[in-house]
Amino acid sequence: MYKYDNYDQTIVNERVAQFRDQTERFLAGKLTEEEFRPLRLMNGLYVQRHAPMLRVAIPYGLLSSKQLRMLAHISRKYDKSYAHFSTRQNLQYNWPALESVPDILADLATVEMHAIQTSGNDIRNTTSDQFAGIAEDELEDPRPYCEIIRQWSTFHPEFSYLPRKFKIAVSGAEHDRVAVQVHDIGLYLVKNDNGEIGFKVIVGGGLGRTPFIGPCIRPFLEKQDLLSYLEAVLRVYNRYGRRDNMFKARIKILVNELGKEEFARQVEEEWLHIKDGVMKLDQKEIDRVKAFFTAPDYDQSAADDTSFESAKESNKDFSNWAIRNLFPHKVAGYKAVVVSLKAPDIPPGDVTDKQMDHIADLADEYSYGELVATHDQNVVLPNVKQADLFALWEKLDAQNLATPNIGLLTDMICCPGLDFCALANAGSIPIAKQINNKFNDIDYLHDIGDIKIKMSGCMNACGHHHVGHIGILGVDKKGEEFYQLTLGGSAENDASLGDRLGPGFAKEEVANVIGKILDVYVEQRQEDEPFLETYRRIGIKPFKESVYASN
């Protein structure tokens, strides 16, 4: 993983000192709330419903065990002994005292971490595939390019105050696990007809009040032009993006209003002025960054293990976990392990200080000291020998971290909702609990198979409900919490926005409505047809008829 040099560390340390002074002046009444607001936002600090919320940056989700232990320490010392992983592969603390935030940032700086640009109208944390570097379907490891983008975008003087927040995702795999097409800029590593690897560039995706699947504005961009082309896109957006209406300020609105062709033309025109300048990436610089992402010293005898298959045959619980929570690895004898943060009795994505310490210990023991926060609000141990899987499973199970539900109904994406967020209209966490209580039969869940529920407590869509196979949106209806459902969304290669099922439902009805939807699916599916394929084949009408039949 990337290691700070003296310049990186100095910049982060100076930012901590700067924000400490700003916070002290605010608490002393020398800065108004209006003056302090942009300063705290640039350092990841929100004012939420009950307390400040601090969002910590985890570039492309990659963490060392040392860093995770520091996150656990901070949750104990400054918060309520837990934290929350977000869909941006970041981590959030929901209860820090304002006066303690500079101390938190100082602690983070000791392990090469910060909260810079995790909020505000700037370029946010660049996200990537949680299986980057080890996936069998990977064309090339995207993490070096994420790091290059991080270094270019952090403190970029021209893009510190954009019309709105700006999000970039990069995938190097055949299977999109990053929701590339619903980002402000999405990048796929692709190979052209000459066998050269470059980037397919997608611009103008996004969710929220006006969701869009982003169009491709350049099917192939050479690697050397990555930064100059991103710069051109941001310049056009910064110049013409709406600043008079925050609901129309995202780049997706600009792209939609101009049209794909005209927006692409303006980017290309801007790019001509800068493409051969100082931002051109030479191979030496790409190789320098790539050197930080070398593979560990794998055990070449790992493929000889037979204990893994024997353990699956003799232990059903372990077998269920292995079916759902393991991911293929490009090195024979190894697997990636997805640690589920979706146990039935906890809010999705939450993790305690003890669990964080435990995962860090397991990363050291079994995965070369590295782990990855996922877009789906789980954690991955990327490099585990098959011979160690049973012992690892037992240790995960002891800390309620071995729920065998990855990709299943209860592996929900869920925003904090009304329980924490000042913007939310309805609760998300209570609905997740309701769904978990109703669908608690693991055999039924495995029979239903892959299905993605994504839930947001407001139209800001932090839970990505628009692209859920089943999307749930909480709304306020005359002071009551109601929930609108959508069906047929996807954030993967076949990206699509879900279709609205119909009128919303009262809070207590949501799980039962999902039950009716699943009944239709089970009745209508063909052999092992996944939910999304069934929905696309038969359409929304049978689901609508079943759900609203008795209403």
Protein backbone atom coordinates (compact mmCIF):
# COMPACT_ATOMS: atom_id res chain seq x y z
CA MET A 1 0.00 0.00 0.00
CA TYR A 2 1.05 3.60 -0.51
CA LYS A 3 3.32 5.03 2.21
CA TYR A 4 3.54 8.72 3.04
CA ASP A 5 6.77 10.52 2.23
CA ASN A 6 7.99 13.56 4.19
CA TYR A 7 5.90 15.91 2.04
CA ASP A 8 2.69 13.93 2.67
CA GLN A 9 3.26 13.73 6.41
CA THR A 10 4.18 17.40 6.71
CA ILE A 11 1.05 18.49 4.84
CA VAL A 12 -1.22 16.36 7.03
CA ASN A 13 0.48 17.50 10.24
CA GLU A 14 0.16 21.13 9.20
CA ARG A 15 -3.52 20.67 8.41
CA VAL A 16 -4.10 19.20 11.91
CA ALA A 17 -2.44 22.22 13.52
CA GLN A 18 -4.41 24.58 11.29
CA PHE A 19 -7.73 22.98 12.12
CA ARG A 20 -6.92 22.90 15.84
CA ASP A 21 -6.46 26.66 15.73
CA GLN A 22 -9.67 27.14 13.73
CA THR A 23 -11.65 25.00 16.17
CA GLU A 24 -10.29 26.81 19.21
CA ARG A 25 -11.17 30.16 17.65
CA PHE A 26 -14.70 28.96 16.85
CA LEU A 27 -15.26 27.66 20.39
CA ALA A 28 -13.96 30.96 21.75
CA GLY A 29 -16.48 32.87 19.64
CA LYS A 30 -13.86 34.39 17.33
CA LEU A 31 -15.26 32.61 14.27
CA THR A 32 -18.95 32.57 13.42
CA GLU A 33 -20.77 29.39 12.40
CA GLU A 34 -20.89 30.70 8.84
CA GLU A 35 -17.11 31.23 8.86
CA PHE A 36 -16.38 27.87 10.51
CA ARG A 37 -18.68 25.77 8.34
CA PRO A 38 -16.49 25.55 5.20
CA LEU A 39 -13.43 24.95 7.36
CA ARG A 40 -14.95 22.00 9.19
CA LEU A 41 -16.45 20.55 6.02
CA MET A 42 -13.05 20.53 4.32
CA ASN A 43 -11.89 18.44 7.28
CA GLY A 44 -14.72 15.92 7.17
CA LEU A 45 -16.78 17.29 10.06
CA TYR A 46 -20.58 17.48 9.79
CA VAL A 47 -23.17 18.67 12.29
CA GLN A 48 -25.69 15.84 12.52
CA ARG A 49 -28.93 15.30 14.42
CA HIS A 50 -27.43 14.51 17.82
CA ALA A 51 -23.71 15.28 17.60
CA PRO A 52 -20.95 16.09 15.13
CA MET A 53 -20.06 13.35 12.65
CA LEU A 54 -16.47 12.91 11.50
CA ARG A 55 -15.78 11.06 8.24
CA VAL A 56 -12.32 9.55 7.90
CA ALA A 57 -10.78 9.06 4.45
CA ILE A 58 -9.78 5.54 3.43
CA PRO A 59 -8.36 5.96 -0.10
CA TYR A 60 -9.76 3.20 -2.36
CA GLY A 61 -10.71 1.33 0.84
CA LEU A 62 -7.21 0.03 1.63
CA LEU A 63 -6.21 -0.23 5.31
CA SER A 64 -3.32 -1.68 7.25
CA SER A 65 -3.91 -3.52 10.50
CA LYS A 66 -2.10 -0.69 12.30
CA GLN A 67 -4.51 1.85 10.85
CA LEU A 68 -7.56 -0.22 11.81
CA ARG A 69 -6.28 -0.47 15.39
CA MET A 70 -6.00 3.30 15.48
CA LEU A 71 -9.59 3.60 14.24
CA ALA A 72 -10.63 1.25 17.05
CA HIS A 73 -8.66 3.31 19.59
CA ILE A 74 -10.33 6.53 18.44
CA SER A 75 -13.79 4.96 18.73
CA ARG A 76 -13.02 3.99 22.35
CA LYS A 77 -11.41 7.23 23.43
CA TYR A 78 -13.49 9.82 21.63
CA ASP A 79 -16.74 8.14 20.56
CA LYS A 80 -19.07 5.37 21.80
CA SER A 81 -16.83 2.40 20.97
CA TYR A 82 -18.12 1.80 17.47
CA ALA A 83 -17.89 3.28 13.96
CA HIS A 84 -19.71 3.01 10.64
CA PHE A 85 -18.33 2.05 7.21
CA SER A 86 -19.92 4.02 4.37
CA THR A 87 -20.53 3.23 0.69
CA ARG A 88 -17.59 5.53 -0.14
CA GLN A 89 -15.23 3.01 1.53
CA ASN A 90 -14.75 5.55 4.33
CA LEU A 91 -15.38 5.30 8.07
CA GLN A 92 -17.61 7.58 10.13
CA TYR A 93 -17.72 8.44 13.83
CA ASN A 94 -21.18 9.55 14.93
CA TRP A 95 -20.54 10.92 18.44
CA PRO A 96 -17.26 12.86 18.73
CA ALA A 97 -17.26 16.07 20.75
CA LEU A 98 -16.32 19.06 18.64
CA GLU A 99 -13.43 20.03 20.92
CA SER A 100 -11.93 16.53 20.57
CA VAL A 101 -11.85 16.48 16.75
CA PRO A 102 -8.37 18.08 16.45
CA ASP A 103 -7.03 15.37 18.78
CA ILE A 104 -8.68 12.70 16.63
CA LEU A 105 -7.07 14.16 13.51
CA ALA A 106 -3.70 14.24 15.28
CA ASP A 107 -4.05 10.55 16.18
CA LEU A 108 -5.01 9.72 12.59
CA ALA A 109 -1.94 11.55 11.29
CA THR A 110 0.33 9.21 13.27
CA VAL A 111 -0.83 6.31 11.04
CA GLU A 112 -0.91 8.19 7.72
CA MET A 113 -4.64 8.96 7.79
CA HIS A 114 -6.79 12.08 7.70
CA ALA A 115 -10.31 13.38 7.06
CA ILE A 116 -9.40 15.93 4.38
CA GLN A 117 -11.95 16.37 1.56
CA THR A 118 -14.37 13.77 2.86
CA SER A 119 -17.09 16.43 2.77
CA GLY A 120 -17.68 19.80 1.15
CA ASN A 121 -17.80 20.79 -2.50
CA ASP A 122 -14.54 19.20 -3.54
CA ILE A 123 -13.16 15.97 -5.01
CA ARG A 124 -14.01 13.19 -2.54
CA ASN A 125 -12.35 9.87 -1.78
CA THR A 126 -11.66 7.91 -4.98
CA THR A 127 -13.18 4.43 -4.72
CA SER A 128 -12.23 1.13 -6.33
CA ASP A 129 -12.78 -2.61 -6.41
CA GLN A 130 -12.49 -4.27 -3.00
CA PHE A 131 -10.77 -7.17 -4.77
CA ALA A 132 -8.26 -4.99 -6.60
CA GLY A 133 -4.93 -6.73 -7.05
CA ILE A 134 -6.24 -10.26 -6.49
CA ALA A 135 -9.34 -10.68 -8.71
CA GLU A 136 -9.24 -13.31 -11.44
CA ASP A 137 -11.26 -11.07 -13.78
CA GLU A 138 -8.90 -8.12 -13.41
CA LEU A 139 -7.25 -6.59 -16.49
CA GLU A 140 -4.92 -4.51 -14.33
CA ASP A 141 -4.73 -3.37 -10.71
CA PRO A 142 -6.57 -0.03 -10.56
CA ARG A 143 -5.13 1.08 -7.20
CA PRO A 144 -2.00 2.82 -8.57
CA TYR A 145 -4.23 5.01 -10.71
CA CYS A 146 -6.50 5.72 -7.73
CA GLU A 147 -3.43 6.84 -5.82
CA ILE A 148 -2.29 9.05 -8.70
CA ILE A 149 -5.77 10.61 -8.76
CA ARG A 150 -5.66 11.07 -4.97
CA GLN A 151 -2.37 12.94 -5.14
CA TRP A 152 -3.63 15.12 -8.01
CA SER A 153 -6.97 15.94 -6.39
CA THR A 154 -5.99 16.56 -2.75
CA PHE A 155 -5.72 20.31 -2.16
CA HIS A 156 -6.13 21.00 -5.88
CA PRO A 157 -6.27 24.83 -5.86
CA GLU A 158 -8.73 25.13 -8.75
CA PHE A 159 -11.18 22.53 -7.50
CA SER A 160 -11.42 23.23 -3.77
CA TYR A 161 -14.81 24.95 -4.11
CA LEU A 162 -16.67 23.21 -6.89
CA PRO A 163 -20.40 23.77 -7.55
CA ARG A 164 -21.04 20.53 -5.61
CA LYS A 165 -19.23 17.45 -4.31
CA PHE A 166 -17.43 15.33 -6.89
CA LYS A 167 -16.88 11.57 -6.84
CA ILE A 168 -14.57 9.37 -8.94
CA ALA A 169 -14.47 5.56 -9.17
CA VAL A 170 -11.97 3.32 -10.97
CA SER A 171 -12.37 -0.36 -11.91
CA GLY A 172 -9.82 -2.67 -13.47
CA ALA A 173 -12.00 -5.77 -13.59
CA GLU A 174 -14.44 -7.29 -16.04
CA HIS A 175 -17.15 -7.23 -13.35
CA ASP A 176 -18.00 -3.77 -12.06
CA ARG A 177 -18.03 -3.93 -8.26
CA VAL A 178 -17.59 -0.16 -7.82
CA ALA A 179 -20.79 1.32 -9.30
CA VAL A 180 -18.64 3.12 -11.88
CA GLN A 181 -21.59 4.30 -13.99
CA VAL A 182 -23.27 6.26 -11.20
CA HIS A 183 -20.26 8.44 -10.41
CA ASP A 184 -19.41 11.96 -11.52
CA ILE A 185 -16.46 10.38 -13.31
CA GLY A 186 -16.19 6.64 -13.76
CA LEU A 187 -13.10 4.98 -15.22
CA TYR A 188 -12.83 1.43 -16.57
CA LEU A 189 -9.44 0.01 -17.48
CA VAL A 190 -9.93 -1.43 -20.97
CA LYS A 191 -7.85 -2.83 -23.82
CA ASN A 192 -8.06 -1.34 -27.32
CA ASP A 193 -7.73 -3.11 -30.66
CA ASN A 194 -3.95 -2.73 -30.54
CA GLY A 195 -3.73 -4.52 -27.18
CA GLU A 196 -2.95 -1.31 -25.27
CA ILE A 197 -4.52 -0.73 -21.86
CA GLY A 198 -6.13 2.62 -21.16
CA PHE A 199 -9.33 4.08 -19.74
CA LYS A 200 -12.96 4.17 -20.82
CA VAL A 201 -14.27 7.47 -19.44
CA ILE A 202 -17.82 7.86 -18.15
CA VAL A 203 -19.04 11.26 -16.94
CA GLY A 204 -22.27 12.51 -15.40
CA GLY A 205 -23.58 9.56 -13.45
CA GLY A 206 -25.11 10.02 -10.04
CA LEU A 207 -28.11 9.37 -7.82
CA GLY A 208 -29.94 11.73 -5.45
CA ARG A 209 -33.02 13.69 -6.54
CA THR A 210 -32.27 13.35 -10.25
CA PRO A 211 -30.54 10.00 -10.87
CA PHE A 212 -28.60 9.32 -14.07
CA ILE A 213 -26.55 6.50 -15.50
CA GLY A 214 -23.43 8.20 -16.81
CA PRO A 215 -22.70 8.19 -20.54
CA CYS A 216 -19.32 7.30 -22.03
CA ILE A 217 -17.65 10.41 -23.44
CA ARG A 218 -14.37 8.74 -24.43
CA PRO A 219 -14.12 5.00 -25.18
CA PHE A 220 -10.33 4.95 -24.87
CA LEU A 221 -7.93 7.31 -23.11
CA GLU A 222 -4.21 6.60 -22.97
CA LYS A 223 -2.78 6.25 -19.49
CA GLN A 224 -0.40 9.16 -20.01
CA ASP A 225 -3.40 11.45 -20.47
CA LEU A 226 -5.32 10.45 -17.35
CA LEU A 227 -4.71 13.55 -15.24
CA SER A 228 -4.92 16.09 -18.04
CA TYR A 229 -8.24 14.66 -19.21
CA LEU A 230 -9.66 14.63 -15.67
CA GLU A 231 -8.46 18.20 -15.33
CA ALA A 232 -10.30 19.15 -18.51
CA VAL A 233 -13.55 17.56 -17.29
CA LEU A 234 -13.30 19.37 -13.95
CA ARG A 235 -12.51 22.69 -15.63
CA VAL A 236 -15.62 22.51 -17.80
CA TYR A 237 -17.73 21.58 -14.79
CA ASN A 238 -16.19 24.23 -12.56
CA ARG A 239 -16.82 26.87 -15.22
CA TYR A 240 -20.39 25.97 -16.21
CA GLY A 241 -21.84 23.94 -13.31
CA ARG A 242 -24.83 25.56 -11.59
CA ARG A 243 -24.06 27.50 -8.41
CA ASP A 244 -27.45 29.17 -8.08
CA ASN A 245 -29.34 25.97 -7.20
CA MET A 246 -27.74 23.21 -5.11
CA PHE A 247 -30.22 20.66 -6.44
CA LYS A 248 -29.03 21.30 -9.99
CA ALA A 249 -25.35 21.75 -9.25
CA ARG A 250 -23.95 18.25 -9.85
CA ILE A 251 -22.11 17.53 -13.09
CA LYS A 252 -24.84 15.06 -14.10
CA ILE A 253 -27.21 18.03 -14.58
CA LEU A 254 -24.70 19.84 -16.78
CA VAL A 255 -24.05 16.75 -18.90
CA ASN A 256 -27.78 16.10 -19.26
CA GLU A 257 -28.59 19.69 -20.21
CA LEU A 258 -25.75 20.05 -22.71
CA GLY A 259 -26.06 16.52 -24.03
CA LYS A 260 -23.31 13.92 -24.11
CA GLU A 261 -21.88 15.05 -27.46
CA GLU A 262 -21.68 18.75 -26.62
CA PHE A 263 -20.23 18.13 -23.19
CA ALA A 264 -17.61 15.80 -24.68
CA ARG A 265 -16.79 18.42 -27.33
CA GLN A 266 -16.17 21.06 -24.67
CA VAL A 267 -13.96 18.70 -22.69
CA GLU A 268 -11.93 17.80 -25.77
CA GLU A 269 -11.53 21.49 -26.62
CA GLU A 270 -10.30 22.27 -23.11
CA TRP A 271 -8.06 19.22 -23.13
CA LEU A 272 -6.23 20.35 -26.28
CA HIS A 273 -4.76 23.26 -24.31
CA ILE A 274 -3.29 21.13 -21.52
CA LYS A 275 -2.78 17.56 -22.76
CA ASP A 276 0.89 18.00 -23.65
CA GLY A 277 1.77 19.97 -20.53
CA VAL A 278 3.05 19.14 -17.07
CA MET A 279 0.23 16.70 -16.24
CA LYS A 280 1.28 14.12 -18.79
CA LEU A 281 2.04 10.87 -16.96
CA ASP A 282 5.25 9.17 -18.03
CA GLN A 283 5.80 5.46 -17.47
CA LYS A 284 8.42 6.21 -14.83
CA GLU A 285 5.85 7.91 -12.61
CA ILE A 286 3.28 5.15 -13.16
CA ASP A 287 5.90 2.54 -12.26
CA ARG A 288 6.90 4.52 -9.15
CA VAL A 289 3.35 4.41 -7.82
CA LYS A 290 2.84 0.81 -8.91
CA ALA A 291 5.82 -0.18 -6.74
CA PHE A 292 3.73 0.55 -3.64
CA PHE A 293 1.20 -2.13 -4.65
CA THR A 294 3.31 -5.24 -4.96
CA ALA A 295 1.93 -8.67 -4.11
CA PRO A 296 2.85 -10.29 -0.78
CA ASP A 297 5.20 -13.25 -0.60
CA TYR A 298 2.61 -15.94 -1.26
CA ASP A 299 3.12 -19.49 -0.06
CA GLN A 300 3.61 -21.49 -3.26
CA SER A 301 2.54 -24.70 -1.52
CA ALA A 302 -0.86 -23.29 -0.50
CA ALA A 303 -2.58 -24.99 -3.44
CA ASP A 304 -1.69 -28.41 -2.01
CA ASP A 305 -4.13 -28.02 0.89
CA THR A 306 -7.04 -30.46 1.14
CA SER A 307 -8.35 -29.48 4.57
CA PHE A 308 -10.61 -26.73 3.17
CA GLU A 309 -12.74 -29.12 1.13
CA SER A 310 -12.86 -31.62 3.98
CA ALA A 311 -14.04 -28.95 6.41
CA LYS A 312 -16.83 -27.90 4.04
CA GLU A 313 -18.04 -31.47 3.78
CA SER A 314 -18.08 -32.04 7.53
CA ASN A 315 -19.46 -28.69 8.76
CA LYS A 316 -22.61 -27.19 7.21
CA ASP A 317 -22.25 -23.82 8.93
CA PHE A 318 -18.72 -23.45 7.59
CA SER A 319 -19.87 -24.59 4.16
CA ASN A 320 -22.66 -21.97 4.09
CA TRP A 321 -20.15 -19.29 5.02
CA ALA A 322 -17.66 -20.49 2.41
CA ILE A 323 -20.31 -20.42 -0.33
CA ARG A 324 -21.27 -16.80 0.35
CA ASN A 325 -18.28 -15.07 1.98
CA LEU A 326 -15.31 -16.28 -0.06
CA PHE A 327 -14.15 -14.77 -3.34
CA PRO A 328 -11.81 -16.40 -5.90
CA HIS A 329 -8.16 -15.36 -5.85
CA LYS A 330 -5.79 -15.18 -8.80
CA VAL A 331 -3.18 -17.13 -6.79
CA ALA A 332 -3.92 -20.85 -6.39
CA GLY A 333 -4.54 -21.91 -2.79
CA TYR A 334 -5.74 -18.47 -1.64
CA LYS A 335 -9.15 -16.84 -1.18
CA ALA A 336 -10.42 -13.36 -0.38
CA VAL A 337 -12.63 -13.40 2.72
CA VAL A 338 -15.53 -10.98 3.03
CA VAL A 339 -16.12 -10.19 6.69
CA SER A 340 -19.83 -9.51 7.05
CA LEU A 341 -20.79 -6.37 8.98
CA LYS A 342 -24.44 -7.30 8.47
CA ALA A 343 -25.21 -9.53 11.44
CA PRO A 344 -28.97 -9.47 12.17
CA ASP A 345 -28.64 -7.61 15.46
CA ILE A 346 -26.49 -4.66 14.31
CA PRO A 347 -27.08 -1.70 11.94
CA PRO A 348 -25.55 -2.52 8.54
CA GLY A 349 -21.96 -1.31 8.28
CA ASP A 350 -21.45 -0.74 12.01
CA VAL A 351 -18.43 -2.24 13.73
CA THR A 352 -17.35 -2.10 17.38
CA ASP A 353 -13.91 -1.21 18.69
CA LYS A 354 -13.38 -4.82 19.80
CA GLN A 355 -14.38 -6.11 16.38
CA MET A 356 -11.99 -3.69 14.70
CA ASP A 357 -9.14 -4.85 16.93
CA HIS A 358 -10.11 -8.46 16.24
CA ILE A 359 -10.17 -7.95 12.47
CA ALA A 360 -6.78 -6.22 12.66
CA ASP A 361 -5.35 -9.20 14.55
CA LEU A 362 -6.78 -11.59 11.96
CA ALA A 363 -5.37 -9.48 9.13
CA ASP A 364 -1.92 -9.82 10.69
CA GLU A 365 -2.32 -13.54 11.30
CA TYR A 366 -3.93 -14.54 8.02
CA SER A 367 -3.78 -11.74 5.40
CA TYR A 368 -0.36 -10.08 5.44
CA GLY A 369 -1.60 -7.19 7.58
CA GLU A 370 -3.92 -5.68 4.95
CA LEU A 371 -7.69 -5.35 4.64
CA VAL A 372 -10.15 -3.43 2.49
CA ALA A 373 -13.35 -1.53 3.28
CA THR A 374 -15.95 -2.32 0.62
CA HIS A 375 -18.51 -0.29 -1.29
CA ASP A 376 -21.12 -2.65 0.23
CA GLN A 377 -20.19 -1.70 3.81
CA ASN A 378 -18.27 -4.86 4.65
CA VAL A 379 -14.55 -5.61 5.09
CA VAL A 380 -12.32 -7.88 3.02
CA LEU A 381 -9.26 -9.87 4.11
CA PRO A 382 -7.76 -10.21 0.62
CA ASN A 383 -5.05 -12.86 0.95
CA VAL A 384 -6.01 -15.88 3.06
CA LYS A 385 -4.64 -19.39 2.51
CA GLN A 386 -7.27 -22.08 2.07
CA ALA A 387 -5.63 -24.08 4.85
CA ASP A 388 -6.38 -21.22 7.29
CA LEU A 389 -10.01 -20.64 6.35
CA PHE A 390 -11.63 -22.90 8.95
CA ALA A 391 -9.60 -21.43 11.82
CA LEU A 392 -10.31 -17.92 10.55
CA TRP A 393 -14.04 -18.65 10.31
CA GLU A 394 -14.12 -19.86 13.92
CA LYS A 395 -12.41 -16.68 15.11
CA LEU A 396 -14.72 -14.46 13.07
CA ASP A 397 -17.75 -16.31 14.39
CA ALA A 398 -16.63 -15.71 17.96
CA GLN A 399 -16.99 -11.96 17.36
CA ASN A 400 -20.28 -12.06 15.39
CA LEU A 401 -18.43 -11.41 12.12
CA ALA A 402 -19.21 -14.62 10.21
CA THR A 403 -22.80 -14.13 9.05
CA PRO A 404 -22.98 -16.14 5.79
CA ASN A 405 -25.00 -13.57 3.87
CA ILE A 406 -22.74 -11.76 1.40
CA GLY A 407 -24.80 -10.85 -1.65
CA LEU A 408 -28.00 -12.09 -0.03
CA LEU A 409 -31.14 -10.28 1.08
CA THR A 410 -29.78 -9.29 4.50
CA ASP A 411 -26.48 -7.96 3.12
CA MET A 412 -28.17 -4.59 2.80
CA ILE A 413 -26.66 -1.25 1.98
CA CYS A 414 -28.15 1.16 4.50
CA CYS A 415 -27.52 4.81 5.33
CA PRO A 416 -27.71 5.97 8.99
CA GLY A 417 -31.11 7.57 8.30
CA LEU A 418 -33.21 9.46 10.80
CA ASP A 419 -31.38 7.91 13.75
CA PHE A 420 -28.37 10.14 13.07
CA CYS A 421 -28.59 12.22 9.90
CA ALA A 422 -30.03 15.76 10.05
CA LEU A 423 -31.06 15.51 6.38
CA ALA A 424 -33.03 12.26 6.65
CA ASN A 425 -36.81 12.09 6.40
CA ALA A 426 -37.19 8.55 7.72
CA GLY A 427 -35.36 5.81 9.54
CA SER A 428 -33.25 3.22 7.73
CA ILE A 429 -31.78 1.22 10.60
CA PRO A 430 -35.20 0.17 12.06
CA ILE A 431 -36.28 -1.06 8.61
CA ALA A 432 -33.09 -3.11 8.31
CA LYS A 433 -33.88 -4.66 11.68
CA GLN A 434 -37.43 -5.40 10.58
CA ILE A 435 -36.17 -7.13 7.43
CA ASN A 436 -33.63 -9.14 9.40
CA ASN A 437 -36.30 -10.26 11.86
CA LYS A 438 -38.60 -11.47 9.10
CA PHE A 439 -35.98 -13.13 6.92
CA ASN A 440 -33.94 -14.98 9.51
CA ASP A 441 -33.87 -18.43 7.89
CA ILE A 442 -30.45 -18.82 6.29
CA ASP A 443 -31.58 -21.72 4.12
CA TYR A 444 -34.38 -19.55 2.67
CA LEU A 445 -31.94 -16.74 2.03
CA HIS A 446 -29.55 -19.07 0.22
CA ASP A 447 -32.45 -20.40 -1.86
CA ILE A 448 -33.49 -16.86 -2.85
CA GLY A 449 -29.88 -16.21 -3.88
CA ASP A 450 -28.27 -12.99 -5.01
CA ILE A 451 -30.45 -9.98 -4.32
CA LYS A 452 -29.35 -6.49 -3.40
CA ILE A 453 -31.47 -4.34 -1.11
CA LYS A 454 -30.32 -0.73 -0.92
CA MET A 455 -31.97 1.74 1.42
CA SER A 456 -31.85 5.51 1.90
CA GLY A 457 -33.52 7.70 4.50
CA CYS A 458 -33.92 10.62 2.08
CA MET A 459 -33.59 11.64 -1.56
CA ASN A 460 -29.86 12.27 -1.19
CA ALA A 461 -29.56 8.51 -1.81
CA CYS A 462 -26.55 7.77 0.41
CA GLY A 463 -27.85 4.19 0.46
CA HIS A 464 -27.96 4.04 -3.38
CA HIS A 465 -31.61 2.92 -3.39
CA HIS A 466 -32.06 3.84 -7.07
CA VAL A 467 -29.73 1.00 -8.12
CA GLY A 468 -30.91 -1.70 -5.73
CA HIS A 469 -32.58 -4.84 -7.05
CA ILE A 470 -35.03 -3.74 -4.40
CA GLY A 471 -34.63 -0.08 -3.49
CA ILE A 472 -36.16 1.45 -0.37
CA LEU A 473 -36.55 5.22 0.04
CA GLY A 474 -37.79 6.73 3.29
CA VAL A 475 -40.05 9.79 2.90
CA ASP A 476 -41.94 12.08 5.22
CA LYS A 477 -45.71 12.06 4.64
CA LYS A 478 -47.45 14.59 6.86
CA GLY A 479 -45.14 13.81 9.76
CA GLU A 480 -45.29 10.02 9.25
CA GLU A 481 -42.48 7.82 7.95
CA PHE A 482 -43.41 6.15 4.67
CA TYR A 483 -41.33 4.05 2.31
CA GLN A 484 -41.32 3.95 -1.48
CA LEU A 485 -40.00 0.81 -3.19
CA THR A 486 -38.30 0.46 -6.55
CA LEU A 487 -37.49 -2.75 -8.42
CA GLY A 488 -34.96 -3.69 -11.06
CA GLY A 489 -32.05 -1.36 -10.34
CA SER A 490 -28.41 -2.33 -10.77
CA ALA A 491 -25.06 -0.63 -10.12
CA GLU A 492 -23.01 -3.22 -12.02
CA ASN A 493 -22.09 -3.58 -15.71
CA ASP A 494 -25.77 -3.69 -16.61
CA ALA A 495 -26.45 -0.49 -14.65
CA SER A 496 -30.08 0.59 -14.47
CA LEU A 497 -32.34 2.73 -12.32
CA GLY A 498 -35.12 0.93 -10.50
CA ASP A 499 -38.79 1.30 -11.44
CA ARG A 500 -41.09 2.72 -8.79
CA LEU A 501 -43.49 0.03 -7.56
CA GLY A 502 -46.32 2.39 -6.65
CA PRO A 503 -47.60 4.26 -3.57
CA GLY A 504 -45.47 4.10 -0.44
CA PHE A 505 -45.98 1.91 2.61
CA ALA A 506 -46.20 2.56 6.31
CA LYS A 507 -43.16 1.75 8.38
CA GLU A 508 -44.54 -1.49 9.82
CA GLU A 509 -45.46 -2.90 6.37
CA VAL A 510 -42.08 -2.83 4.60
CA ALA A 511 -40.81 -6.33 5.40
CA ASN A 512 -44.16 -7.91 4.57
CA VAL A 513 -44.21 -6.11 1.22
CA ILE A 514 -40.75 -7.47 0.45
CA GLY A 515 -42.09 -10.91 1.35
CA LYS A 516 -44.82 -10.55 -1.30
CA ILE A 517 -42.25 -9.44 -3.86
CA LEU A 518 -40.13 -12.50 -3.13
CA ASP A 519 -43.17 -14.77 -3.37
CA VAL A 520 -43.73 -13.54 -6.93
CA TYR A 521 -40.07 -14.09 -7.74
CA VAL A 522 -40.06 -17.66 -6.40
CA GLU A 523 -43.22 -18.45 -8.36
CA GLN A 524 -42.01 -16.90 -11.61
CA ARG A 525 -38.28 -17.67 -11.75
CA GLN A 526 -36.92 -20.21 -14.19
CA GLU A 527 -34.51 -22.75 -12.66
CA ASP A 528 -31.65 -20.79 -11.01
CA GLU A 529 -32.62 -17.45 -12.56
CA PRO A 530 -31.55 -14.55 -10.29
CA PHE A 531 -34.09 -12.02 -9.08
CA LEU A 532 -32.91 -9.25 -11.41
CA GLU A 533 -33.17 -11.45 -14.49
CA THR A 534 -36.65 -12.58 -13.52
CA TYR A 535 -37.74 -9.00 -12.98
CA ARG A 536 -36.39 -7.88 -16.35
CA ARG A 537 -38.10 -10.80 -18.06
CA ILE A 538 -41.58 -10.45 -16.54
CA GLY A 539 -41.66 -6.73 -15.73
CA ILE A 540 -43.18 -4.90 -12.80
CA LYS A 541 -46.84 -5.79 -13.34
CA PRO A 542 -46.95 -9.17 -11.48
CA PHE A 543 -45.15 -7.64 -8.49
CA LYS A 544 -47.47 -4.65 -8.42
CA GLU A 545 -50.56 -6.86 -8.63
CA SER A 546 -49.40 -9.04 -5.75
CA VAL A 547 -48.34 -6.20 -3.47
CA TYR A 548 -51.41 -4.03 -3.93
CA ALA A 549 -54.01 -6.81 -4.35
CA SER A 550 -55.45 -6.46 -0.85
CA ASN A 551 -54.91 -2.71 -0.49
